[in-house]
Amino acid sequence: LGSRGRFSFEPTGRKMSETDGGVLGHASQEEARRKDEKPAIITLEEVAKFATELYGLGGIDVAKVKELDSYDDRNYHIPNVTYTHKDGKTETLDVIFKVHNGVESGDQRLIEAHNAVLLHLIAASVPVPEPMLTKSGSLIGHVTLPCIRAPDTTRQHAVRVLRYMQGTIIGQSASESPVLLRQLGQVLGRMDKALETFPQVPPVLSERVFLWDLKQVPALLAFSEHISDPKRRALQQKVIANFQSQVAPRIPTLRKAIIQNDANEQNLVIDATRENLTGILDFGDCLCTCIVFELAICLAYLMLGKDDPIGTAQHIYAGYVQEFELTKEEKEMLHTLVCSRMVQSVTMGAYSYSKDPGNEYLLITAKTGWELLELLDTISPADFLAKMEG
């Protein structure tokens, strides 16, 4: 569930509102384009060549270059290379060489916005991947590759080199150190505090229409029929109804800023002691929306599969509010928002399974999500908040 991936959307069932139809139609078009315009497979030798020519990376051992999993881009880990900074200083480091899909390559405003967000956070000492300059001084390079759907034709793809965040992904386990959880909350709070002061939000982030923005939770009713269990389908609809009555009317008055929007267990890097957070990855979902969504999303994912999910959330919450205090209004809706994020995950998981019924892994990964939702359904918003502040 944490590594939720992306989905193509063909909703059926209840009649959609004009707003829902716009969100889903936009999502469907964009996802179809992302599939069609994923970068073509390139050899590791070509990766080394591009990285050397564009970024001046030295000492690349092709045998150690490794392609990483990615839905619509291509990412390569290149270890132990030399990089010359703008001031002439040379550094040995690991990097990620990222080849962007054709959608973002054709309109680079989103990539430029992501770079600006990362640089703003680095200046505020938040541990995020650093985008590196090309030899010509740009944060974005370009390579020409065959089109994946039409190999006889070529197109340009945007590329970036990012500093590799050392450590291991936190993943999903039965428990984590309270020290780590509190620190996670603190770093998340510092990140949101820094992003609140972002000088000028790019329109590409403030105007982004994205199904994984919690504001779009009501649109999930279009996917209810893909949840086969009647009790779970009723729970999904109950959470959406709660969102519509308790959150949606108050969205206009909530504080808004850029958020990372996907602080799940696959995007958090820790050290070998499992007591220190060393990085936050993947700003591909970032946008300008309600700030409180950030904490709710992190709590939802980090509670998954825990022996003590409420205790886990307490530690993260305590660290977060130490750095970034919530308003009374934000606190009151936190329980509903945590449930809403889980509903996003389990609903789209059910939809994916309906399209790929042989993939039992989708059911296994959804299991912890439903268990968490069923637990949270036994706790009122007021009691949940009392536990967080207890």
Protein backbone atom coordinates (compact mmCIF):
# COMPACT_ATOMS: atom_id res chain seq x y z
CA LEU A 1 0.00 0.00 0.00
CA GLY A 2 2.79 2.42 0.78
CA SER A 3 4.39 1.88 -2.59
CA ARG A 4 1.03 2.53 -4.14
CA GLY A 5 2.15 2.99 -7.74
CA ARG A 6 -0.14 4.62 -10.28
CA PHE A 7 -3.30 3.51 -11.97
CA SER A 8 -5.23 3.99 -15.19
CA PHE A 9 -8.78 5.09 -14.52
CA GLU A 10 -11.99 3.83 -16.16
CA PRO A 11 -14.59 4.40 -13.43
CA THR A 12 -18.00 2.85 -13.64
CA GLY A 13 -20.93 2.65 -11.27
CA ARG A 14 -22.58 5.71 -9.74
CA LYS A 15 -23.23 8.86 -11.73
CA MET A 16 -20.31 11.25 -11.34
CA SER A 17 -20.55 14.93 -10.66
CA GLU A 18 -19.07 17.33 -13.17
CA THR A 19 -16.14 17.89 -10.80
CA ASP A 20 -15.49 14.17 -10.33
CA GLY A 21 -15.70 13.56 -14.07
CA GLY A 22 -13.15 16.30 -14.69
CA VAL A 23 -10.71 14.87 -12.15
CA LEU A 24 -11.08 11.32 -13.40
CA GLY A 25 -11.00 12.27 -17.05
CA HIS A 26 -7.83 14.29 -16.53
CA ALA A 27 -6.24 11.42 -14.57
CA SER A 28 -7.16 8.88 -17.24
CA GLN A 29 -5.68 10.96 -20.04
CA GLU A 30 -2.46 11.65 -18.17
CA GLU A 31 -1.94 8.03 -17.14
CA ALA A 32 -2.50 6.78 -20.67
CA ARG A 33 0.06 9.26 -21.97
CA ARG A 34 2.56 8.27 -19.29
CA LYS A 35 2.35 4.63 -20.37
CA ASP A 36 2.71 5.52 -24.03
CA GLU A 37 5.56 7.95 -23.42
CA LYS A 38 7.71 6.06 -20.93
CA PRO A 39 11.38 6.28 -21.97
CA ALA A 40 12.59 3.40 -24.11
CA ILE A 41 14.93 0.83 -22.57
CA ILE A 42 18.52 2.04 -22.76
CA THR A 43 21.68 0.06 -22.10
CA LEU A 44 23.81 0.69 -19.03
CA GLU A 45 26.61 1.71 -21.37
CA GLU A 46 24.32 4.41 -22.80
CA VAL A 47 23.44 5.56 -19.28
CA ALA A 48 27.15 5.95 -18.50
CA LYS A 49 27.69 7.81 -21.78
CA PHE A 50 24.82 10.25 -21.17
CA ALA A 51 25.85 10.86 -17.56
CA THR A 52 29.44 11.57 -18.60
CA GLU A 53 28.57 13.81 -21.55
CA LEU A 54 25.87 15.84 -19.80
CA TYR A 55 27.07 15.96 -16.20
CA GLY A 56 30.78 15.25 -16.47
CA LEU A 57 30.54 12.28 -14.11
CA GLY A 58 33.86 10.47 -13.91
CA GLY A 59 34.94 6.97 -12.96
CA ILE A 60 31.67 5.25 -13.83
CA ASP A 61 31.91 1.46 -13.51
CA VAL A 62 29.18 0.23 -15.87
CA ALA A 63 29.08 -3.15 -14.12
CA LYS A 64 27.88 -1.40 -10.94
CA VAL A 65 25.18 0.74 -12.55
CA LYS A 66 21.75 -0.59 -11.60
CA GLU A 67 18.29 0.25 -12.93
CA LEU A 68 15.73 0.82 -10.17
CA ASP A 69 12.00 0.15 -10.28
CA SER A 70 9.95 3.00 -11.69
CA TYR A 71 6.44 3.25 -13.10
CA ASP A 72 6.77 5.86 -15.79
CA ASP A 73 10.40 7.09 -15.73
CA ARG A 74 13.72 5.25 -15.80
CA ASN A 75 16.00 5.58 -12.77
CA TYR A 76 19.58 4.34 -12.48
CA HIS A 77 21.80 4.16 -9.42
CA ILE A 78 25.38 5.08 -10.35
CA PRO A 79 27.74 4.52 -7.40
CA ASN A 80 31.10 6.02 -6.50
CA VAL A 81 31.54 8.61 -9.25
CA THR A 82 33.32 11.95 -9.32
CA TYR A 83 31.38 15.16 -9.89
CA THR A 84 32.79 18.65 -10.35
CA HIS A 85 30.76 21.43 -8.78
CA LYS A 86 30.27 24.89 -10.26
CA ASP A 87 33.05 26.28 -8.02
CA GLY A 88 35.50 23.71 -9.40
CA LYS A 89 35.53 21.47 -6.34
CA THR A 90 35.38 17.73 -7.03
CA GLU A 91 33.36 15.29 -4.95
CA THR A 92 33.02 11.49 -4.95
CA LEU A 93 29.42 10.39 -4.44
CA ASP A 94 26.57 8.09 -5.52
CA VAL A 95 23.90 9.53 -7.82
CA ILE A 96 20.57 8.70 -9.41
CA PHE A 97 20.39 9.28 -13.17
CA LYS A 98 16.71 9.90 -13.94
CA VAL A 99 15.18 9.84 -17.43
CA HIS A 100 11.74 11.48 -17.33
CA ASN A 101 8.66 10.27 -19.17
CA GLY A 102 7.47 12.08 -22.28
CA VAL A 103 4.61 13.90 -20.52
CA GLU A 104 6.95 15.81 -18.21
CA SER A 105 9.65 16.07 -20.87
CA GLY A 106 7.20 17.83 -23.17
CA ASP A 107 6.24 20.37 -20.50
CA GLN A 108 9.10 20.75 -18.04
CA ARG A 109 7.33 23.12 -15.65
CA LEU A 110 6.62 20.30 -13.20
CA ILE A 111 10.27 19.15 -13.21
CA GLU A 112 11.41 22.74 -12.73
CA ALA A 113 9.00 23.11 -9.82
CA HIS A 114 10.27 19.89 -8.22
CA ASN A 115 13.85 21.15 -8.49
CA ALA A 116 12.87 24.45 -6.91
CA VAL A 117 11.15 22.65 -4.01
CA LEU A 118 14.16 20.40 -3.41
CA LEU A 119 16.62 23.31 -3.43
CA HIS A 120 14.41 25.30 -1.06
CA LEU A 121 14.33 22.36 1.37
CA ILE A 122 18.08 21.74 1.13
CA ALA A 123 18.65 25.39 2.06
CA ALA A 124 16.48 24.73 5.13
CA SER A 125 18.58 21.63 6.06
CA VAL A 126 15.79 19.15 5.26
CA PRO A 127 17.30 15.83 4.02
CA VAL A 128 16.05 15.47 0.44
CA PRO A 129 17.81 14.51 -2.83
CA GLU A 130 19.92 17.33 -4.28
CA PRO A 131 19.52 18.03 -8.02
CA MET A 132 22.93 18.45 -9.67
CA LEU A 133 23.93 20.87 -12.43
CA THR A 134 24.83 19.76 -15.95
CA LYS A 135 28.20 20.83 -17.38
CA SER A 136 26.38 23.74 -19.02
CA GLY A 137 24.94 24.89 -15.67
CA SER A 138 21.33 23.66 -16.03
CA LEU A 139 19.39 21.48 -13.60
CA ILE A 140 17.78 19.61 -16.50
CA GLY A 141 19.54 17.83 -19.36
CA HIS A 142 18.14 16.18 -22.48
CA VAL A 143 18.71 12.93 -24.35
CA THR A 144 17.21 11.67 -27.61
CA LEU A 145 15.68 8.18 -27.45
CA PRO A 146 13.46 5.98 -29.63
CA CYS A 147 9.74 6.25 -28.89
CA ILE A 148 8.62 3.22 -26.90
CA ARG A 149 5.48 2.78 -29.07
CA ALA A 150 7.20 3.69 -32.34
CA PRO A 151 10.86 2.59 -32.26
CA ASP A 152 11.55 4.01 -35.73
CA THR A 153 10.97 7.56 -34.47
CA THR A 154 12.79 9.46 -31.73
CA ARG A 155 12.00 12.14 -29.18
CA GLN A 156 13.75 14.17 -26.50
CA HIS A 157 13.50 13.18 -22.83
CA ALA A 158 14.41 15.39 -19.90
CA VAL A 159 17.03 13.92 -17.54
CA ARG A 160 18.26 14.82 -14.07
CA VAL A 161 21.07 13.71 -11.79
CA LEU A 162 20.16 13.64 -8.10
CA ARG A 163 22.37 12.96 -5.10
CA TYR A 164 21.71 9.43 -3.85
CA MET A 165 20.34 9.29 -0.29
CA GLN A 166 22.42 6.76 1.67
CA GLY A 167 20.62 4.31 3.93
CA THR A 168 17.76 1.82 3.63
CA ILE A 169 14.04 2.24 3.02
CA ILE A 170 12.12 2.04 6.30
CA GLY A 171 9.58 -0.41 4.83
CA GLN A 172 6.72 -1.97 6.77
CA SER A 173 7.45 -3.75 10.05
CA ALA A 174 5.60 -4.64 13.25
CA SER A 175 7.24 -1.85 15.25
CA GLU A 176 9.75 0.98 15.04
CA SER A 177 11.82 2.82 17.61
CA PRO A 178 9.95 5.69 19.31
CA VAL A 179 13.13 7.72 18.77
CA LEU A 180 12.91 7.18 14.99
CA LEU A 181 9.17 7.87 14.86
CA ARG A 182 9.44 11.11 16.81
CA GLN A 183 12.35 12.19 14.62
CA LEU A 184 10.31 11.38 11.52
CA GLY A 185 7.56 13.65 12.79
CA GLN A 186 10.08 16.41 13.53
CA VAL A 187 11.64 16.26 10.06
CA LEU A 188 8.20 16.24 8.44
CA GLY A 189 7.22 19.24 10.55
CA ARG A 190 10.41 21.11 9.64
CA MET A 191 9.78 20.31 5.98
CA ASP A 192 6.25 21.73 6.09
CA LYS A 193 7.42 24.78 8.01
CA ALA A 194 10.05 25.42 5.34
CA LEU A 195 7.59 24.87 2.48
CA GLU A 196 5.12 27.30 4.04
CA THR A 197 7.71 30.01 3.32
CA PHE A 198 8.27 28.99 -0.32
CA PRO A 199 8.57 32.41 -2.01
CA GLN A 200 6.16 31.96 -4.93
CA VAL A 201 4.19 28.78 -5.55
CA PRO A 202 4.49 27.78 -9.24
CA PRO A 203 1.09 27.61 -10.97
CA VAL A 204 1.89 24.04 -12.08
CA LEU A 205 1.69 23.04 -8.38
CA SER A 206 -1.19 25.29 -7.29
CA GLU A 207 -3.35 24.28 -10.27
CA ARG A 208 -2.46 20.59 -10.34
CA VAL A 209 -5.49 18.27 -10.62
CA PHE A 210 -4.48 14.98 -9.05
CA LEU A 211 -6.54 12.05 -7.79
CA TRP A 212 -4.04 11.48 -4.96
CA ASP A 213 -4.72 14.96 -3.58
CA LEU A 214 -6.89 14.27 -0.53
CA LYS A 215 -9.28 16.99 -1.72
CA GLN A 216 -10.37 14.52 -4.41
CA VAL A 217 -11.56 11.78 -2.02
CA PRO A 218 -15.24 12.14 -3.06
CA ALA A 219 -14.30 11.08 -6.61
CA LEU A 220 -13.48 7.61 -5.22
CA LEU A 221 -17.18 6.77 -5.06
CA ALA A 222 -16.89 6.03 -8.78
CA PHE A 223 -14.77 2.98 -7.86
CA SER A 224 -16.93 1.57 -5.01
CA GLU A 225 -18.24 -1.36 -7.02
CA HIS A 226 -14.72 -2.79 -7.30
CA ILE A 227 -14.74 -3.47 -3.53
CA SER A 228 -16.38 -6.91 -3.49
CA ASP A 229 -16.91 -7.26 0.28
CA PRO A 230 -20.19 -5.46 1.17
CA LYS A 231 -18.99 -4.51 4.68
CA ARG A 232 -15.78 -3.03 3.35
CA ARG A 233 -17.62 -1.22 0.59
CA ALA A 234 -19.94 0.25 3.23
CA LEU A 235 -16.91 1.32 5.28
CA GLN A 236 -15.37 3.00 2.23
CA GLN A 237 -18.58 4.92 1.61
CA LYS A 238 -18.85 5.87 5.29
CA VAL A 239 -15.34 7.36 5.27
CA ILE A 240 -16.09 9.31 2.08
CA ALA A 241 -19.34 10.59 3.62
CA ASN A 242 -17.43 11.68 6.72
CA PHE A 243 -14.94 13.51 4.51
CA GLN A 244 -17.74 15.25 2.63
CA SER A 245 -19.44 16.41 5.83
CA GLN A 246 -16.44 17.10 8.10
CA VAL A 247 -13.62 18.15 5.77
CA ALA A 248 -14.88 19.31 2.36
CA PRO A 249 -16.86 22.34 3.64
CA ARG A 250 -13.81 23.54 5.63
CA ILE A 251 -11.21 23.18 2.86
CA PRO A 252 -11.46 26.85 1.83
CA THR A 253 -10.37 27.98 5.32
CA LEU A 254 -7.54 25.46 5.84
CA ARG A 255 -3.91 26.58 5.56
CA LYS A 256 -2.39 25.73 2.21
CA ALA A 257 1.16 25.33 0.93
CA ILE A 258 3.28 22.95 -1.13
CA ILE A 259 3.47 19.48 0.46
CA GLN A 260 5.44 16.36 -0.45
CA ASN A 261 2.12 14.44 -0.46
CA ASP A 262 3.47 10.88 -0.25
CA ALA A 263 5.54 10.32 2.91
CA ASN A 264 4.98 6.57 2.88
CA GLU A 265 7.27 3.82 4.14
CA GLN A 266 8.84 3.37 0.71
CA ASN A 267 9.89 7.02 0.51
CA LEU A 268 11.61 7.32 3.90
CA VAL A 269 15.31 6.45 4.27
CA ILE A 270 16.87 5.46 7.60
CA ASP A 271 20.34 4.48 8.82
CA ALA A 272 21.53 1.04 9.96
CA THR A 273 20.55 1.67 13.59
CA ARG A 274 16.90 2.25 12.57
CA GLU A 275 16.89 5.25 14.89
CA ASN A 276 17.76 8.04 12.45
CA LEU A 277 15.90 9.32 9.42
CA THR A 278 18.41 10.15 6.67
CA GLY A 279 16.16 11.23 3.81
CA ILE A 280 12.74 11.81 2.26
CA LEU A 281 12.44 10.64 -1.34
CA ASP A 282 10.12 11.12 -4.31
CA PHE A 283 8.53 14.52 -4.73
CA GLY A 284 6.70 13.42 -7.87
CA ASP A 285 3.29 13.81 -6.20
CA CYS A 286 3.97 17.20 -4.61
CA LEU A 287 1.46 19.98 -5.12
CA CYS A 288 -0.04 22.95 -3.32
CA THR A 289 -2.90 21.79 -1.12
CA CYS A 290 -3.96 21.69 2.55
CA ILE A 291 -0.91 21.45 4.84
CA VAL A 292 -2.56 19.08 7.33
CA PHE A 293 -2.79 16.45 4.58
CA GLU A 294 0.98 15.89 4.93
CA LEU A 295 0.82 14.59 8.49
CA ALA A 296 -2.35 12.58 7.84
CA ILE A 297 -0.74 10.79 4.88
CA CYS A 298 2.38 9.90 6.86
CA LEU A 299 0.38 8.65 9.86
CA ALA A 300 -1.81 6.48 7.62
CA TYR A 301 1.11 4.69 5.97
CA LEU A 302 3.32 4.35 9.04
CA MET A 303 0.47 2.81 11.07
CA LEU A 304 0.14 -0.04 8.56
CA GLY A 305 0.99 -3.48 9.89
CA LYS A 306 2.02 -2.22 13.32
CA ASP A 307 1.44 -4.12 16.57
CA ASP A 308 0.57 -0.74 18.11
CA PRO A 309 -0.62 1.56 15.33
CA ILE A 310 -2.02 4.20 17.69
CA GLY A 311 1.24 4.32 19.67
CA THR A 312 3.16 4.62 16.40
CA ALA A 313 1.01 7.58 15.35
CA GLN A 314 1.40 9.22 18.78
CA HIS A 315 5.18 9.40 18.45
CA ILE A 316 5.05 10.83 14.90
CA TYR A 317 2.38 13.33 15.91
CA ALA A 318 4.38 14.47 18.96
CA GLY A 319 7.46 15.10 16.83
CA TYR A 320 5.50 16.91 14.13
CA VAL A 321 3.67 19.38 16.38
CA GLN A 322 6.93 20.11 18.18
CA GLU A 323 8.13 21.66 14.92
CA PHE A 324 4.88 22.74 13.26
CA GLU A 325 1.80 23.33 15.40
CA LEU A 326 -1.61 22.42 14.01
CA THR A 327 -4.66 24.63 14.31
CA LYS A 328 -7.72 23.50 16.26
CA GLU A 329 -9.58 22.94 13.00
CA GLU A 330 -6.77 20.80 11.55
CA LYS A 331 -6.55 18.69 14.68
CA GLU A 332 -10.30 18.00 14.66
CA MET A 333 -10.23 16.52 11.16
CA LEU A 334 -7.01 14.49 11.47
CA HIS A 335 -8.78 11.18 12.14
CA THR A 336 -11.03 11.61 9.08
CA LEU A 337 -8.04 12.51 6.92
CA VAL A 338 -6.03 9.45 8.02
CA CYS A 339 -9.01 7.24 7.19
CA SER A 340 -9.45 9.02 3.87
CA ARG A 341 -5.88 8.32 2.79
CA MET A 342 -6.34 4.65 3.57
CA VAL A 343 -9.56 4.67 1.56
CA GLN A 344 -7.65 6.11 -1.39
CA SER A 345 -5.17 3.23 -1.17
CA VAL A 346 -7.55 0.32 -0.63
CA THR A 347 -10.05 1.60 -3.21
CA MET A 348 -7.46 1.91 -5.95
CA GLY A 349 -5.97 -1.42 -4.87
CA ALA A 350 -9.38 -3.05 -5.37
CA TYR A 351 -9.72 -1.38 -8.74
CA SER A 352 -6.29 -2.64 -9.80
CA TYR A 353 -7.18 -6.17 -8.70
CA SER A 354 -10.35 -6.03 -10.80
CA LYS A 355 -8.14 -5.31 -13.82
CA ASP A 356 -5.50 -7.89 -12.84
CA PRO A 357 -7.33 -10.66 -10.89
CA GLY A 358 -4.34 -12.99 -11.05
CA ASN A 359 -2.26 -10.62 -8.95
CA GLU A 360 -2.87 -11.94 -5.43
CA TYR A 361 -0.17 -9.58 -4.13
CA LEU A 362 -2.66 -6.71 -4.47
CA LEU A 363 -5.01 -8.44 -2.03
CA ILE A 364 -2.22 -9.22 0.42
CA THR A 365 -0.94 -5.65 0.49
CA ALA A 366 -4.49 -4.29 0.89
CA LYS A 367 -5.09 -6.51 3.93
CA THR A 368 -3.22 -4.28 6.37
CA GLY A 369 -5.00 -1.23 4.97
CA TRP A 370 -8.44 -2.65 5.61
CA GLU A 371 -7.38 -3.82 9.08
CA LEU A 372 -6.24 -0.30 9.91
CA LEU A 373 -9.50 1.20 8.61
CA GLU A 374 -11.55 -1.25 10.65
CA LEU A 375 -9.56 -0.32 13.77
CA LEU A 376 -9.92 3.42 13.17
CA ASP A 377 -13.67 2.96 12.64
CA THR A 378 -13.93 1.96 16.32
CA ILE A 379 -12.34 5.27 17.44
CA SER A 380 -14.10 8.61 17.27
CA PRO A 381 -12.27 11.67 15.89
CA ALA A 382 -12.26 13.20 19.38
CA ASP A 383 -10.82 10.07 21.00
CA PHE A 384 -8.21 9.74 18.26
CA LEU A 385 -7.06 13.31 18.87
CA ALA A 386 -7.02 12.71 22.63
CA LYS A 387 -4.75 9.70 22.08
CA MET A 388 -2.44 11.73 19.84
CA GLU A 389 -2.12 14.43 22.49
CA GLY A 390 -2.09 12.04 25.44
